[in-house]
Amino acid sequence: MKTQTDSAKLTQEQLARALGTTTRTLREWLKRDDYPAGASVEDLIAWRDAAGLGKIKDGSINGLKAELMRRDIALRDLKLQRERAEVVERETVREMLRLLGTKLDLLLRLKLEVELGPRVAGKSAAEANVEGALILDEIREVVNANLARFEADAIKATVAEE
């Protein structure tokens, strides 16, 4: 279609087609106080988009019902994900991370401040490195066990909230 500089040169049918709507919907838009009369088609499209109009293609009750059904389906999909334990509540995750951080801090203090000195006393640098690696393995084991337990607890907490 040839670009018009003034939408007034078009019939309502032509303008509605250019705006991607129906003549009925266009007539409703024409009644709005903020309708930019005499604007170019491009400006009307920008106005339509800025006003959030034209999102339902036909503007009819059936179009509105279809949009509502799409939103309901999306909401049900989210609820199903939650029921399947695919989604964990944000507060549950925060609490578990806070607890894990506290436990990790205590574990590091125990291993590095209390156990490290006696375990490397009188040993060569190579033997101290071996002891350090053993301590690191112990820390990893504890952290991984806690993460596995937290995952199970998160699933239980999510299911219990429903």
C-alpha atoms as a PDB file:
ATOM      1  CA  MET A   1       0.000   0.000   0.000  1.00  0.00           C
ATOM      2  CA  LYS A   2       1.206   3.468  -0.792  1.00  0.00           C
ATOM      3  CA  THR A   3       2.223   5.418   2.332  1.00  0.00           C
ATOM      4  CA  GLN A   4      -0.214   8.212   3.115  1.00  0.00           C
ATOM      5  CA  THR A   5       0.948  11.316   4.930  1.00  0.00           C
ATOM      6  CA  ASP A   6      -2.562  12.079   6.182  1.00  0.00           C
ATOM      7  CA  SER A   7      -4.888   9.370   7.474  1.00  0.00           C
ATOM      8  CA  ALA A   8      -7.858  11.607   6.552  1.00  0.00           C
ATOM      9  CA  LYS A   9      -7.254  10.733   2.876  1.00  0.00           C
ATOM     10  CA  LEU A  10      -8.109   7.083   3.587  1.00  0.00           C
ATOM     11  CA  THR A  11     -11.507   5.497   4.040  1.00  0.00           C
ATOM     12  CA  GLN A  12     -12.201   3.940   7.432  1.00  0.00           C
ATOM     13  CA  GLU A  13     -11.869   0.487   5.864  1.00  0.00           C
ATOM     14  CA  GLN A  14      -8.453   1.349   4.400  1.00  0.00           C
ATOM     15  CA  LEU A  15      -7.268   2.944   7.622  1.00  0.00           C
ATOM     16  CA  ALA A  16      -8.488   0.012   9.733  1.00  0.00           C
ATOM     17  CA  ARG A  17      -6.642  -2.404   7.439  1.00  0.00           C
ATOM     18  CA  ALA A  18      -3.480  -0.274   7.657  1.00  0.00           C
ATOM     19  CA  LEU A  19      -3.723  -0.268  11.460  1.00  0.00           C
ATOM     20  CA  GLY A  20      -4.368  -4.011  11.590  1.00  0.00           C
ATOM     21  CA  THR A  21      -7.810  -3.727  13.148  1.00  0.00           C
ATOM     22  CA  THR A  22     -11.491  -3.727  12.223  1.00  0.00           C
ATOM     23  CA  THR A  23     -13.589  -0.743  11.219  1.00  0.00           C
ATOM     24  CA  ARG A  24     -15.678  -1.268  14.349  1.00  0.00           C
ATOM     25  CA  THR A  25     -12.590  -1.021  16.563  1.00  0.00           C
ATOM     26  CA  LEU A  26     -11.339   1.968  14.564  1.00  0.00           C
ATOM     27  CA  ARG A  27     -14.638   3.784  15.179  1.00  0.00           C
ATOM     28  CA  GLU A  28     -14.179   3.162  18.927  1.00  0.00           C
ATOM     29  CA  TRP A  29     -10.666   4.590  18.751  1.00  0.00           C
ATOM     30  CA  LEU A  30     -11.950   7.666  16.904  1.00  0.00           C
ATOM     31  CA  LYS A  31     -14.128   8.449  19.946  1.00  0.00           C
ATOM     32  CA  ARG A  32     -11.127   8.575  22.262  1.00  0.00           C
ATOM     33  CA  ASP A  33      -9.958  11.983  23.476  1.00  0.00           C
ATOM     34  CA  ASP A  34      -6.330  11.096  22.782  1.00  0.00           C
ATOM     35  CA  TYR A  35      -6.913   9.970  19.171  1.00  0.00           C
ATOM     36  CA  PRO A  36      -4.471  11.936  16.976  1.00  0.00           C
ATOM     37  CA  ALA A  37      -6.842  13.090  14.227  1.00  0.00           C
ATOM     38  CA  GLY A  38      -5.171  13.853  10.908  1.00  0.00           C
ATOM     39  CA  ALA A  39      -1.951  12.039  11.846  1.00  0.00           C
ATOM     40  CA  SER A  40      -0.044   9.880   9.385  1.00  0.00           C
ATOM     41  CA  VAL A  41      -0.605   6.133   9.363  1.00  0.00           C
ATOM     42  CA  GLU A  42       2.849   5.643  10.907  1.00  0.00           C
ATOM     43  CA  ASP A  43       1.987   8.068  13.718  1.00  0.00           C
ATOM     44  CA  LEU A  44      -1.338   6.296  14.288  1.00  0.00           C
ATOM     45  CA  ILE A  45       0.456   2.956  14.527  1.00  0.00           C
ATOM     46  CA  ALA A  46       2.849   4.462  17.078  1.00  0.00           C
ATOM     47  CA  TRP A  47      -0.126   5.913  19.016  1.00  0.00           C
ATOM     48  CA  ARG A  48      -1.940   2.549  18.895  1.00  0.00           C
ATOM     49  CA  ASP A  49       1.118   0.726  20.240  1.00  0.00           C
ATOM     50  CA  ALA A  50       1.846   3.342  22.912  1.00  0.00           C
ATOM     51  CA  ALA A  51      -1.785   3.209  24.079  1.00  0.00           C
ATOM     52  CA  GLY A  52      -1.682  -0.595  24.187  1.00  0.00           C
ATOM     53  CA  LEU A  53      -4.443  -0.884  21.602  1.00  0.00           C
ATOM     54  CA  GLY A  54      -4.776  -3.416  18.850  1.00  0.00           C
ATOM     55  CA  LYS A  55      -3.294  -6.301  20.811  1.00  0.00           C
ATOM     56  CA  ILE A  56      -6.411  -8.346  20.077  1.00  0.00           C
ATOM     57  CA  LYS A  57      -6.527  -8.662  16.310  1.00  0.00           C
ATOM     58  CA  ASP A  58     -10.285  -8.546  15.779  1.00  0.00           C
ATOM     59  CA  GLY A  59     -11.248  -6.567  18.900  1.00  0.00           C
ATOM     60  CA  SER A  60     -14.309  -8.757  19.335  1.00  0.00           C
ATOM     61  CA  ILE A  61     -15.532 -10.545  22.431  1.00  0.00           C
ATOM     62  CA  ASN A  62     -14.226 -13.779  20.914  1.00  0.00           C
ATOM     63  CA  GLY A  63     -10.794 -12.219  20.545  1.00  0.00           C
ATOM     64  CA  LEU A  64     -10.894 -11.097  24.170  1.00  0.00           C
ATOM     65  CA  LYS A  65     -11.997 -14.558  25.292  1.00  0.00           C
ATOM     66  CA  ALA A  66      -9.154 -16.128  23.309  1.00  0.00           C
ATOM     67  CA  GLU A  67      -6.629 -13.790  24.952  1.00  0.00           C
ATOM     68  CA  LEU A  68      -8.061 -14.596  28.377  1.00  0.00           C
ATOM     69  CA  MET A  69      -7.820 -18.320  27.639  1.00  0.00           C
ATOM     70  CA  ARG A  70      -4.164 -17.927  26.583  1.00  0.00           C
ATOM     71  CA  ARG A  71      -3.400 -16.159  29.843  1.00  0.00           C
ATOM     72  CA  ASP A  72      -5.247 -18.814  31.864  1.00  0.00           C
ATOM     73  CA  ILE A  73      -3.286 -21.542  30.112  1.00  0.00           C
ATOM     74  CA  ALA A  74       0.006 -19.788  30.868  1.00  0.00           C
ATOM     75  CA  LEU A  75      -1.013 -19.428  34.532  1.00  0.00           C
ATOM     76  CA  ARG A  76      -1.977 -23.112  34.734  1.00  0.00           C
ATOM     77  CA  ASP A  77       1.365 -24.067  33.179  1.00  0.00           C
ATOM     78  CA  LEU A  78       3.170 -22.121  35.917  1.00  0.00           C
ATOM     79  CA  LYS A  79       1.074 -23.816  38.608  1.00  0.00           C
ATOM     80  CA  LEU A  80       1.809 -27.243  37.105  1.00  0.00           C
ATOM     81  CA  GLN A  81       5.538 -26.520  37.136  1.00  0.00           C
ATOM     82  CA  ARG A  82       5.254 -25.618  40.797  1.00  0.00           C
ATOM     83  CA  GLU A  83       3.276 -28.779  41.577  1.00  0.00           C
ATOM     84  CA  ARG A  84       5.886 -30.888  39.805  1.00  0.00           C
ATOM     85  CA  ALA A  85       8.494 -29.282  42.055  1.00  0.00           C
ATOM     86  CA  GLU A  86      10.119 -27.640  39.031  1.00  0.00           C
ATOM     87  CA  VAL A  87       9.796 -24.264  40.748  1.00  0.00           C
ATOM     88  CA  VAL A  88      10.949 -23.404  44.252  1.00  0.00           C
ATOM     89  CA  GLU A  89       9.628 -20.439  46.198  1.00  0.00           C
ATOM     90  CA  ARG A  90      12.098 -17.562  46.327  1.00  0.00           C
ATOM     91  CA  GLU A  91      11.879 -17.280  50.129  1.00  0.00           C
ATOM     92  CA  THR A  92      12.680 -20.993  50.502  1.00  0.00           C
ATOM     93  CA  VAL A  93      15.803 -20.562  48.377  1.00  0.00           C
ATOM     94  CA  ARG A  94      16.880 -17.459  50.311  1.00  0.00           C
ATOM     95  CA  GLU A  95      16.523 -19.220  53.645  1.00  0.00           C
ATOM     96  CA  MET A  96      18.441 -22.259  52.427  1.00  0.00           C
ATOM     97  CA  LEU A  97      21.255 -20.129  50.992  1.00  0.00           C
ATOM     98  CA  ARG A  98      21.489 -18.164  54.236  1.00  0.00           C
ATOM     99  CA  LEU A  99      21.704 -21.408  56.231  1.00  0.00           C
ATOM    100  CA  LEU A 100      24.229 -22.891  53.816  1.00  0.00           C
ATOM    101  CA  GLY A 101      26.369 -19.750  54.052  1.00  0.00           C
ATOM    102  CA  THR A 102      26.351 -19.960  57.843  1.00  0.00           C
ATOM    103  CA  LYS A 103      27.274 -23.653  57.793  1.00  0.00           C
ATOM    104  CA  LEU A 104      30.038 -23.078  55.266  1.00  0.00           C
ATOM    105  CA  ASP A 105      31.477 -20.269  57.378  1.00  0.00           C
ATOM    106  CA  LEU A 106      31.512 -22.499  60.462  1.00  0.00           C
ATOM    107  CA  LEU A 107      33.022 -25.399  58.523  1.00  0.00           C
ATOM    108  CA  LEU A 108      35.803 -23.245  57.083  1.00  0.00           C
ATOM    109  CA  ARG A 109      36.601 -21.810  60.507  1.00  0.00           C
ATOM    110  CA  LEU A 110      36.751 -25.324  61.997  1.00  0.00           C
ATOM    111  CA  LYS A 111      38.932 -26.764  59.256  1.00  0.00           C
ATOM    112  CA  LEU A 112      41.268 -23.803  58.767  1.00  0.00           C
ATOM    113  CA  GLU A 113      41.532 -22.262  62.246  1.00  0.00           C
ATOM    114  CA  VAL A 114      41.257 -25.345  64.427  1.00  0.00           C
ATOM    115  CA  GLU A 115      42.356 -28.391  62.422  1.00  0.00           C
ATOM    116  CA  LEU A 116      44.868 -27.018  59.924  1.00  0.00           C
ATOM    117  CA  GLY A 117      47.612 -26.112  62.421  1.00  0.00           C
ATOM    118  CA  PRO A 118      47.871 -29.508  64.153  1.00  0.00           C
ATOM    119  CA  ARG A 119      47.492 -31.379  60.857  1.00  0.00           C
ATOM    120  CA  VAL A 120      50.456 -29.637  59.195  1.00  0.00           C
ATOM    121  CA  ALA A 121      52.684 -29.128  62.245  1.00  0.00           C
ATOM    122  CA  GLY A 122      56.164 -30.494  61.605  1.00  0.00           C
ATOM    123  CA  LYS A 123      55.396 -31.461  58.001  1.00  0.00           C
ATOM    124  CA  SER A 124      57.132 -30.364  54.821  1.00  0.00           C
ATOM    125  CA  ALA A 125      55.453 -28.043  52.352  1.00  0.00           C
ATOM    126  CA  ALA A 126      54.537 -30.993  50.113  1.00  0.00           C
ATOM    127  CA  GLU A 127      52.957 -32.858  53.052  1.00  0.00           C
ATOM    128  CA  ALA A 128      51.106 -29.657  54.073  1.00  0.00           C
ATOM    129  CA  ASN A 129      49.728 -29.395  50.526  1.00  0.00           C
ATOM    130  CA  VAL A 130      48.469 -32.985  50.747  1.00  0.00           C
ATOM    131  CA  GLU A 131      46.769 -32.174  54.079  1.00  0.00           C
ATOM    132  CA  GLY A 132      45.243 -29.048  52.497  1.00  0.00           C
ATOM    133  CA  ALA A 133      43.838 -31.142  49.655  1.00  0.00           C
ATOM    134  CA  LEU A 134      42.359 -33.594  52.173  1.00  0.00           C
ATOM    135  CA  ILE A 135      40.718 -30.729  54.054  1.00  0.00           C
ATOM    136  CA  LEU A 136      39.343 -29.383  50.767  1.00  0.00           C
ATOM    137  CA  ASP A 137      37.861 -32.811  49.944  1.00  0.00           C
ATOM    138  CA  GLU A 138      36.225 -32.937  53.399  1.00  0.00           C
ATOM    139  CA  ILE A 139      34.718 -29.471  52.852  1.00  0.00           C
ATOM    140  CA  ARG A 140      33.401 -30.456  49.385  1.00  0.00           C
ATOM    141  CA  GLU A 141      31.835 -33.602  50.805  1.00  0.00           C
ATOM    142  CA  VAL A 142      30.008 -31.668  53.521  1.00  0.00           C
ATOM    143  CA  VAL A 143      28.845 -28.943  51.106  1.00  0.00           C
ATOM    144  CA  ASN A 144      27.582 -31.460  48.530  1.00  0.00           C
ATOM    145  CA  ALA A 145      25.714 -33.420  51.216  1.00  0.00           C
ATOM    146  CA  ASN A 146      24.079 -30.189  52.428  1.00  0.00           C
ATOM    147  CA  LEU A 147      23.104 -29.178  48.898  1.00  0.00           C
ATOM    148  CA  ALA A 148      21.486 -32.561  48.275  1.00  0.00           C
ATOM    149  CA  ARG A 149      19.569 -32.280  51.545  1.00  0.00           C
ATOM    150  CA  PHE A 150      18.526 -28.703  50.725  1.00  0.00           C
ATOM    151  CA  GLU A 151      17.186 -29.804  47.340  1.00  0.00           C
ATOM    152  CA  ALA A 152      15.034 -32.463  48.999  1.00  0.00           C
ATOM    153  CA  ASP A 153      13.896 -29.967  51.662  1.00  0.00           C
ATOM    154  CA  ALA A 154      13.019 -27.377  48.997  1.00  0.00           C
ATOM    155  CA  ILE A 155      10.808 -29.860  47.190  1.00  0.00           C
ATOM    156  CA  LYS A 156       9.096 -30.790  50.462  1.00  0.00           C
ATOM    157  CA  ALA A 157       8.605 -27.106  51.389  1.00  0.00           C
ATOM    158  CA  THR A 158       7.159 -26.260  47.976  1.00  0.00           C
ATOM    159  CA  VAL A 159       4.718 -29.167  48.066  1.00  0.00           C
ATOM    160  CA  ALA A 160       3.730 -28.392  51.679  1.00  0.00           C
ATOM    161  CA  GLU A 161       2.923 -24.733  50.817  1.00  0.00           C
ATOM    162  CA  GLU A 162       0.278 -25.870  48.367  1.00  0.00           C
END
